Amino acid sequence: MIPILFGLMSAMIFSIVTYMMYGLEGVMLRDWIDQVFWGLILTGVVIGVASTIWRCLPCQLSKLVHNSKLTDTWCGACKQ
């Protein structure tokens, strides 16, 4: 959740700064500003999803090999 919020906040700050620098017409005419804005948001979402998947991936793999020592080690952080 924190990477998503960080991506949204950085996109908002970027939007405010570019609006102050280029004005409304400058922001609307430059395509790279929209690309950077959405890129910041998507980067936060991708990092959030990747960290969520990576947190429980070792637990799932240890359950597949039926190793109790690995399961006890890795599944402590996973909320399943």
C-alpha atoms as a PDB file:
ATOM      1  CA  MET A   1       0.000   0.000   0.000  1.00  0.00           C
ATOM      2  CA  ILE A   2       2.851   2.382   0.756  1.00  0.00           C
ATOM      3  CA  PRO A   3       4.416   2.150  -2.744  1.00  0.00           C
ATOM      4  CA  ILE A   4       1.032   2.911  -4.311  1.00  0.00           C
ATOM      5  CA  LEU A   5       0.574   5.950  -2.085  1.00  0.00           C
ATOM      6  CA  PHE A   6       4.130   7.049  -2.819  1.00  0.00           C
ATOM      7  CA  GLY A   7       3.464   6.752  -6.568  1.00  0.00           C
ATOM      8  CA  LEU A   8       0.252   8.780  -6.270  1.00  0.00           C
ATOM      9  CA  MET A   9       1.894  11.457  -4.145  1.00  0.00           C
ATOM     10  CA  SER A  10       4.902  11.776  -6.452  1.00  0.00           C
ATOM     11  CA  ALA A  11       2.570  12.018  -9.476  1.00  0.00           C
ATOM     12  CA  MET A  12       0.579  14.741  -7.724  1.00  0.00           C
ATOM     13  CA  ILE A  13       3.712  16.703  -6.843  1.00  0.00           C
ATOM     14  CA  PHE A  14       5.021  16.269 -10.394  1.00  0.00           C
ATOM     15  CA  SER A  15       1.703  17.527 -11.767  1.00  0.00           C
ATOM     16  CA  ILE A  16       1.746  20.613  -9.555  1.00  0.00           C
ATOM     17  CA  VAL A  17       5.361  21.445 -10.397  1.00  0.00           C
ATOM     18  CA  THR A  18       4.865  21.035 -14.158  1.00  0.00           C
ATOM     19  CA  TYR A  19       1.709  23.147 -14.012  1.00  0.00           C
ATOM     20  CA  MET A  20       3.633  25.893 -12.213  1.00  0.00           C
ATOM     21  CA  MET A  21       6.508  25.686 -14.717  1.00  0.00           C
ATOM     22  CA  TYR A  22       4.645  25.327 -18.032  1.00  0.00           C
ATOM     23  CA  GLY A  23       1.148  26.610 -17.308  1.00  0.00           C
ATOM     24  CA  LEU A  24      -2.072  24.978 -18.415  1.00  0.00           C
ATOM     25  CA  GLU A  25      -1.406  25.246 -22.136  1.00  0.00           C
ATOM     26  CA  GLY A  26       2.131  23.913 -21.807  1.00  0.00           C
ATOM     27  CA  VAL A  27       0.965  20.928 -19.790  1.00  0.00           C
ATOM     28  CA  MET A  28      -1.760  20.093 -22.296  1.00  0.00           C
ATOM     29  CA  LEU A  29       0.546  20.340 -25.334  1.00  0.00           C
ATOM     30  CA  ARG A  30       3.439  18.235 -24.056  1.00  0.00           C
ATOM     31  CA  ASP A  31       2.850  14.490 -24.267  1.00  0.00           C
ATOM     32  CA  TRP A  32       5.796  13.530 -22.096  1.00  0.00           C
ATOM     33  CA  ILE A  33       4.172  15.113 -19.043  1.00  0.00           C
ATOM     34  CA  ASP A  34       1.216  12.706 -19.250  1.00  0.00           C
ATOM     35  CA  GLN A  35       3.570   9.788 -19.784  1.00  0.00           C
ATOM     36  CA  VAL A  36       5.656  10.644 -16.728  1.00  0.00           C
ATOM     37  CA  PHE A  37       2.523  11.257 -14.629  1.00  0.00           C
ATOM     38  CA  TRP A  38       1.004   7.851 -15.439  1.00  0.00           C
ATOM     39  CA  GLY A  39       4.433   6.218 -15.271  1.00  0.00           C
ATOM     40  CA  LEU A  40       4.837   7.353 -11.659  1.00  0.00           C
ATOM     41  CA  ILE A  41       1.440   5.951 -10.725  1.00  0.00           C
ATOM     42  CA  LEU A  42       2.020   2.649 -12.534  1.00  0.00           C
ATOM     43  CA  THR A  43       5.474   2.277 -10.999  1.00  0.00           C
ATOM     44  CA  GLY A  44       3.957   2.532  -7.519  1.00  0.00           C
ATOM     45  CA  VAL A  45       1.294  -0.040  -8.402  1.00  0.00           C
ATOM     46  CA  VAL A  46       3.830  -2.466  -9.910  1.00  0.00           C
ATOM     47  CA  ILE A  47       6.149  -2.205  -6.905  1.00  0.00           C
ATOM     48  CA  GLY A  48       3.197  -2.753  -4.543  1.00  0.00           C
ATOM     49  CA  VAL A  49       2.010  -5.831  -6.420  1.00  0.00           C
ATOM     50  CA  ALA A  50       5.526  -7.247  -6.732  1.00  0.00           C
ATOM     51  CA  SER A  51       6.228  -6.833  -3.020  1.00  0.00           C
ATOM     52  CA  THR A  52       2.910  -8.486  -2.143  1.00  0.00           C
ATOM     53  CA  ILE A  53       3.624 -11.449  -4.389  1.00  0.00           C
ATOM     54  CA  TRP A  54       7.237 -11.774  -3.234  1.00  0.00           C
ATOM     55  CA  ARG A  55       6.239 -11.728   0.445  1.00  0.00           C
ATOM     56  CA  CYS A  56       4.194 -14.942   0.121  1.00  0.00           C
ATOM     57  CA  LEU A  57       6.041 -16.668  -2.728  1.00  0.00           C
ATOM     58  CA  PRO A  58       8.700 -18.371  -0.541  1.00  0.00           C
ATOM     59  CA  CYS A  59       5.937 -19.631   1.776  1.00  0.00           C
ATOM     60  CA  GLN A  60       4.015 -21.168  -1.124  1.00  0.00           C
ATOM     61  CA  LEU A  61       7.166 -22.800  -2.510  1.00  0.00           C
ATOM     62  CA  SER A  62       8.080 -24.278   0.872  1.00  0.00           C
ATOM     63  CA  LYS A  63       4.573 -25.749   1.167  1.00  0.00           C
ATOM     64  CA  LEU A  64       4.985 -27.363  -2.254  1.00  0.00           C
ATOM     65  CA  VAL A  65       8.141 -29.211  -1.205  1.00  0.00           C
ATOM     66  CA  HIS A  66       6.552 -30.205   2.142  1.00  0.00           C
ATOM     67  CA  ASN A  67       9.521 -29.061   4.195  1.00  0.00           C
ATOM     68  CA  SER A  68       8.334 -28.093   7.681  1.00  0.00           C
ATOM     69  CA  LYS A  69      11.537 -26.210   8.565  1.00  0.00           C
ATOM     70  CA  LEU A  70      11.250 -23.983   5.500  1.00  0.00           C
ATOM     71  CA  THR A  71       7.524 -23.519   6.049  1.00  0.00           C
ATOM     72  CA  ASP A  72       8.081 -22.385   9.640  1.00  0.00           C
ATOM     73  CA  THR A  73      10.834 -20.015   8.529  1.00  0.00           C
ATOM     74  CA  TRP A  74       9.113 -18.405   5.546  1.00  0.00           C
ATOM     75  CA  CYS A  75       5.425 -18.454   6.515  1.00  0.00           C
ATOM     76  CA  GLY A  76       5.800 -16.349   9.645  1.00  0.00           C
ATOM     77  CA  ALA A  77       5.544 -13.121   7.621  1.00  0.00           C
ATOM     78  CA  CYS A  78       2.854 -14.395   5.266  1.00  0.00           C
ATOM     79  CA  LYS A  79      -0.691 -13.745   6.434  1.00  0.00           C
ATOM     80  CA  GLN A  80      -2.364 -16.942   5.249  1.00  0.00           C
END
